[in-house]
Amino acid sequence: MADLINDYAGLEDTVKKMPASLTSERALLGSILIDPACITDILTVVGADDFYLSEHKEIFLAMRELFDASSEIDPVTLIDTLVHKGVYEKSGGEEYIRSLLEATPNAMNVQDYARIIKEKSTLRRIIATCSDVSNMTFSEQEEVTHILDYAQSQFTEISAGRDSRNFLHIRDVLRNVLANLHELADNPEASYGTPTGFSGVDRLLVGMGDSDLIILGARPGMGKTSFALNIATNVAIAQQKAVCVFSLEMSAEQLVSRLLSSEAMVESYALRSGQLSQDDWKKIADAAMRLSNTNLYIDDTSGMTVTAMKAKLRRVENLGLVVIDYLGLMESEAHYDNRALEVGVISRGLKLMAKEMRVPILCCAQLSRGTESRTDKRPQLSDLRESGSIEQDADVVMFLYRDEYYKTDRSPDEQEGNVAEVIIQKNRHGSTGNIKMGWIGAYTKFRTLADDNLEAP
């Protein structure tokens, strides 16, 4: 290791084959030796895997180990740590460590050194990804859609500053978890995911978590599309994030008509027939203004695949929620004789997409007719149509149920407004339960009841 100084010029010639800056790497390590406190300024910028030279990576890891243990970082403690880690022998290494100090005048520019190292590391990742894609293309053993999806996902990871190519050491994950705990202690509301806008549902779910696949199941006519659109509108308006709705059943115009009816509180029949009063026109104008100021995007392409959805979502900035209506109309990349198997592949793809995009995905699903034959027609997990893997892949499974729907002698008032139940039967992050909500059919709108009644399952 002591010969590293003499070989330094030769190494500079070698690394010309790949983007790297050994000078910046040496200067960053020297800056930490000069001013150990500056390591806190660069830990969120650069990691050990961003160093090109393996010896520099080991030195940085040893520095971080000392920092995590609240020990002093100086040449003596650093050499001792490197010896215990088996990086150096007792007789070597000290000369190179001291040369880092001599080559670095001060620690003032440590953030610039970190930025340069990160940029070079990113360039190497781009080269590696292009090489992988090239090999996959020339081998012709993968489907074109899979190659494109892989390339897009890798470049999305690189662009977002995430590294999916390497393992994460537990100390790095612990640092993130502890930082999050401190944030929660200062601001308890930071633990909430994306709020649905319905307080009873949010109390059980603690919001929709990033990377969550949320299945919303119901029999036809229960209002699952309306409920999903209500949530989409709430998120788009309150969170000021982009919300993407894939409507595989209805056209964009039909969907927006429902949104207008719900947001303007104008009867959907009036919108379909055009029989609107002056007051209705004012409500519609106000609602249209509110909706147009949101970043709510609609795609009504039929027979979408998970890969096609991902390709479109990657181009959306500040994405906050994805809504899919509905799972049964989606298609897989490959066709199977067994539809249940195909749906299982799709649901698994949706979960992986939620994890990759790091946003909640709310997906509507039809239920089987099994509910109709029971005395208590409330949905159960076994009623999910076509595949038991939907239940396995989902983080949250919730059902919509309206008892009035099955009554044949409903009065006009009962048809227009009644009580609905949101039944949360699976919640990977917390408890389950039933939430009573108001349903106004004329406006295709759900609302939180005043008493916000929450029932145990």
Foldseek 3Di string as FASTA:
>chain_A
DQCCVVCVVVVVVVCVVAQADVLLLLQLLLQCQQPVVCVVVQPVQDALLLHPDVLSSLLVVLSVVCVVVVHDDHLVSSVVSCCVVVNDPPVDDSNSSVVSNVSHPHNPCNNVSSNSSLVRSLRRLLVVLVVVLVVCVVVVPDDPLVSVLSSLLSVLCSVVVHDPPDDDDVVVVVVVVVVVVVVCVVPVLVPAAQALQFVLVCVFQSHFFQLFEEEEEEAPPLLPLLSLVSSQLCRQQVVLAAEEEEAQDDDPVVSVLLQLLQQLVAFSVCVVVVVDDPSSVVSSVVSVVSVVPTNYHYHHDFQAALSVVLVVVSVGPRHAEYEYEALLRHFYPDDDPQQLVRSLVRLLSVSVSSVSVRHYYYHYFYFACPLVPDPRSDDDLVRGPSYNSNVVSGQWYKYKDDPVVPDPPDDPVCVQKDKMWIWIPHHNVGFTWIWIWMAGPRSSYIGQDPVRDIGHD
